[in-house]
């Protein structure tokens, strides 16, 4: 059914399933998520869910790949200012902690090593090109663009829901977030500064 045109009602049902399932997978992971809870909260039935997504794995894939697209679109890279990109990622993790939790479950339950997604599903070509161009312009230190991107992303996640030290929330005092943004910005600038 996913390749057929949906009615407005069908699209609303599909979106309710995605919204509820995003929270279910973020909270319980792939193995712990329950389709019964999803269909009850989305006010639909299993047949409808399976018609849209095929199975539980297909539902997770739709949500997870959609979350990767969201990060790329909502927080586009600016390789000429990787420090500000890191801060915008920090802010996105505050606004949508479920997105980082989904990636964590994918890492734990699907791909414990290597790239987080299959080669055909990667979303980093444009980011890597942008970093390479900034390097060629002398704005970013030499090195493997992927390694630099991975370092900046890791730094942006220092206080995210996956931190093994401290996970922050959007409800904490604004001055705490501003202090972290300042430290993150300054640290990334030092790491990526040209040699």
Protein backbone atom coordinates (compact mmCIF):
# COMPACT_ATOMS: atom_id res chain seq x y z
CA UNK A 1 0.00 0.00 0.00
CA UNK A 2 2.97 2.30 0.50
CA UNK A 3 3.27 2.92 -3.26
CA UNK A 4 -0.42 3.74 -3.66
CA UNK A 5 -1.86 7.22 -3.22
CA UNK A 6 -3.38 7.53 0.25
CA UNK A 7 -6.59 9.33 1.05
CA UNK A 8 -6.43 12.14 3.59
CA UNK A 9 -7.87 9.76 6.17
CA UNK A 10 -5.34 7.05 5.25
CA UNK A 11 -2.46 9.53 5.49
CA UNK A 12 -3.71 10.69 8.89
CA UNK A 13 -3.83 7.07 10.12
CA UNK A 14 -0.35 6.37 8.72
CA UNK A 15 1.01 9.49 10.44
CA UNK A 16 -0.61 8.54 13.77
CA UNK A 17 1.06 5.14 13.53
CA UNK A 18 4.44 6.78 12.83
CA UNK A 19 4.04 9.25 15.71
CA UNK A 20 3.06 6.60 18.25
CA UNK A 21 5.59 4.06 17.01
CA UNK A 22 8.40 6.63 17.18
CA UNK A 23 7.79 6.99 20.91
CA UNK A 24 7.36 3.23 21.35
CA UNK A 25 10.64 2.37 19.61
CA UNK A 26 12.51 5.23 21.30
CA UNK A 27 11.39 4.00 24.70
CA UNK A 28 11.59 0.22 24.30
CA UNK A 29 13.86 -0.45 21.34
CA UNK A 30 13.13 -2.74 18.44
CA UNK A 31 12.81 -5.96 20.42
CA UNK A 32 10.85 -4.37 23.26
CA UNK A 33 8.39 -2.39 21.16
CA UNK A 34 4.91 -3.90 20.98
CA UNK A 35 2.70 -3.56 17.92
CA UNK A 36 -0.35 -4.03 20.15
CA UNK A 37 0.49 -0.84 22.07
CA UNK A 38 1.15 1.05 18.84
CA UNK A 39 -2.15 0.16 17.18
CA UNK A 40 -4.13 0.83 20.37
CA UNK A 41 -2.58 4.27 20.87
CA UNK A 42 -2.84 5.09 17.14
CA UNK A 43 -6.51 4.03 17.09
CA UNK A 44 -6.06 1.57 14.22
CA UNK A 45 -5.48 -2.15 13.78
CA UNK A 46 -2.64 -4.51 12.95
CA UNK A 47 -3.90 -5.12 9.42
CA UNK A 48 -3.69 -1.42 8.65
CA UNK A 49 -0.23 -1.10 10.17
CA UNK A 50 1.06 -4.11 8.22
CA UNK A 51 -0.51 -2.81 5.02
CA UNK A 52 1.47 0.43 5.38
CA UNK A 53 4.76 -0.93 6.69
CA UNK A 54 4.89 -4.68 6.07
CA UNK A 55 6.04 -5.70 9.54
CA UNK A 56 7.57 -4.38 12.74
CA UNK A 57 11.03 -4.11 11.14
CA UNK A 58 9.58 -2.16 8.22
CA UNK A 59 7.88 0.20 10.64
CA UNK A 60 11.14 0.80 12.50
CA UNK A 61 12.96 1.35 9.20
CA UNK A 62 10.42 3.97 8.12
CA UNK A 63 10.78 5.79 11.43
CA UNK A 64 14.54 5.51 11.69
CA UNK A 65 15.30 6.53 8.11
CA UNK A 66 12.82 9.36 8.48
CA UNK A 67 14.69 10.52 11.59
CA UNK A 68 17.96 10.55 9.62
CA UNK A 69 16.29 12.63 6.91
CA UNK A 70 14.94 15.00 9.56
CA UNK A 71 18.41 15.63 11.03
CA UNK A 72 19.84 16.29 7.56
CA UNK A 73 17.00 18.67 6.65
CA UNK A 74 16.47 20.43 9.99
CA UNK A 75 20.17 20.73 10.83
CA UNK A 76 21.94 21.10 7.49
CA UNK A 77 25.71 21.16 7.67
CA UNK A 78 27.68 24.33 7.23
CA UNK A 79 31.22 23.06 6.87
CA UNK A 80 32.54 26.61 6.96
CA UNK A 81 31.27 26.78 10.57
CA UNK A 82 31.26 23.29 12.03
CA UNK A 83 31.10 24.73 15.54
CA UNK A 84 27.67 26.26 14.90
CA UNK A 85 26.55 23.04 13.20
CA UNK A 86 27.48 21.16 16.39
CA UNK A 87 25.45 23.62 18.47
CA UNK A 88 22.43 23.23 16.18
CA UNK A 89 22.74 19.43 16.55
CA UNK A 90 22.85 19.86 20.35
CA UNK A 91 19.66 21.90 20.16
CA UNK A 92 17.94 19.33 17.94
CA UNK A 93 18.78 16.55 20.42
CA UNK A 94 17.20 18.71 23.15
CA UNK A 95 14.08 19.27 21.07
CA UNK A 96 13.79 15.67 19.85
CA UNK A 97 15.56 13.25 22.21
CA UNK A 98 13.62 10.41 20.59
CA UNK A 99 15.73 10.79 17.44
CA UNK A 100 18.98 10.03 19.22
CA UNK A 101 17.36 7.18 21.14
CA UNK A 102 16.26 5.58 17.87
CA UNK A 103 19.83 5.72 16.58
CA UNK A 104 21.04 4.16 19.82
CA UNK A 105 18.61 1.27 19.55
CA UNK A 106 19.64 0.74 15.92
CA UNK A 107 23.27 0.58 17.06
CA UNK A 108 22.52 -1.80 19.93
CA UNK A 109 20.11 -4.12 18.17
CA UNK A 110 21.14 -4.01 14.53
CA UNK A 111 24.64 -2.74 13.80
CA UNK A 112 26.98 -2.93 16.77
CA UNK A 113 29.98 -2.09 14.56
CA UNK A 114 30.69 -0.18 11.38
CA UNK A 115 28.34 2.37 9.86
CA UNK A 116 25.00 2.83 11.58
CA UNK A 117 23.09 2.13 8.35
CA UNK A 118 23.71 0.14 5.20
CA UNK A 119 25.77 1.86 2.53
CA UNK A 120 22.66 2.43 0.39
CA UNK A 121 20.90 4.22 3.29
CA UNK A 122 23.71 6.57 4.33
CA UNK A 123 22.89 10.26 4.39
CA UNK A 124 26.37 11.75 4.68
CA UNK A 125 27.58 12.25 1.09
CA UNK A 126 26.70 15.95 1.04
CA UNK A 127 28.22 16.47 4.50
CA UNK A 128 31.46 14.77 3.49
CA UNK A 129 31.68 16.81 0.29
CA UNK A 130 31.07 20.02 2.23
CA UNK A 131 33.83 19.19 4.71
CA UNK A 132 36.24 18.27 1.90
CA UNK A 133 35.47 21.59 0.16
CA UNK A 134 36.07 23.50 3.41
CA UNK A 135 39.36 21.64 3.79
CA UNK A 136 40.37 22.53 0.24
CA UNK A 137 39.57 26.18 1.00
CA UNK A 138 41.83 26.04 4.06
CA UNK A 139 38.95 26.53 6.53
CA UNK A 140 39.08 23.10 8.17
CA UNK A 141 42.05 20.99 9.23
CA UNK A 142 43.32 18.22 7.01
CA UNK A 143 42.16 14.67 7.67
CA UNK A 144 39.54 12.20 6.68
CA UNK A 145 36.25 14.13 6.26
CA UNK A 146 34.31 11.24 7.76
CA UNK A 147 36.48 11.22 10.89
CA UNK A 148 36.04 14.98 11.32
CA UNK A 149 32.28 14.68 10.85
CA UNK A 150 32.12 11.80 13.36
CA UNK A 151 34.11 13.82 15.91
CA UNK A 152 31.89 16.89 15.60
CA UNK A 153 28.73 14.78 15.89
CA UNK A 154 30.13 12.96 18.92
CA UNK A 155 30.96 16.26 20.59
CA UNK A 156 27.44 17.54 19.92
CA UNK A 157 26.06 14.46 21.70
CA UNK A 158 28.13 14.94 24.87
CA UNK A 159 25.02 15.78 26.95
CA UNK A 160 22.43 13.95 24.83
CA UNK A 161 20.21 11.07 25.98
CA UNK A 162 23.00 8.64 25.02
CA UNK A 163 25.66 10.26 27.18
CA UNK A 164 27.25 7.87 29.64
CA UNK A 165 28.13 10.85 31.86
CA UNK A 166 25.10 13.18 31.97
CA UNK A 167 21.93 13.38 29.86
CA UNK A 168 20.34 16.81 29.78
CA UNK A 169 16.76 17.79 29.05
CA UNK A 170 15.18 20.85 27.48
CA UNK A 171 13.64 21.66 30.88
CA UNK A 172 16.96 22.51 32.51
CA UNK A 173 17.87 26.17 33.12
CA UNK A 174 18.65 28.15 29.96
CA UNK A 175 21.98 29.27 31.38
CA UNK A 176 23.11 25.62 31.66
CA UNK A 177 22.37 25.08 27.99
CA UNK A 178 24.09 28.31 27.01
CA UNK A 179 27.18 27.34 29.00
CA UNK A 180 27.30 23.98 27.22
CA UNK A 181 26.75 25.60 23.81
CA UNK A 182 29.66 27.96 24.46
CA UNK A 183 31.96 25.12 25.51
CA UNK A 184 30.86 22.99 22.55
CA UNK A 185 31.33 25.85 20.08
CA UNK A 186 34.82 26.69 21.38
CA UNK A 187 35.89 23.03 21.55
CA UNK A 188 34.76 22.23 18.01
CA UNK A 189 36.48 25.34 16.67
CA UNK A 190 39.76 24.17 18.22
CA UNK A 191 39.38 20.61 16.94
CA UNK A 192 38.64 21.55 13.33
CA UNK A 193 40.88 24.63 13.05
CA UNK A 194 43.30 24.41 10.11
CA UNK A 195 46.80 23.21 11.02
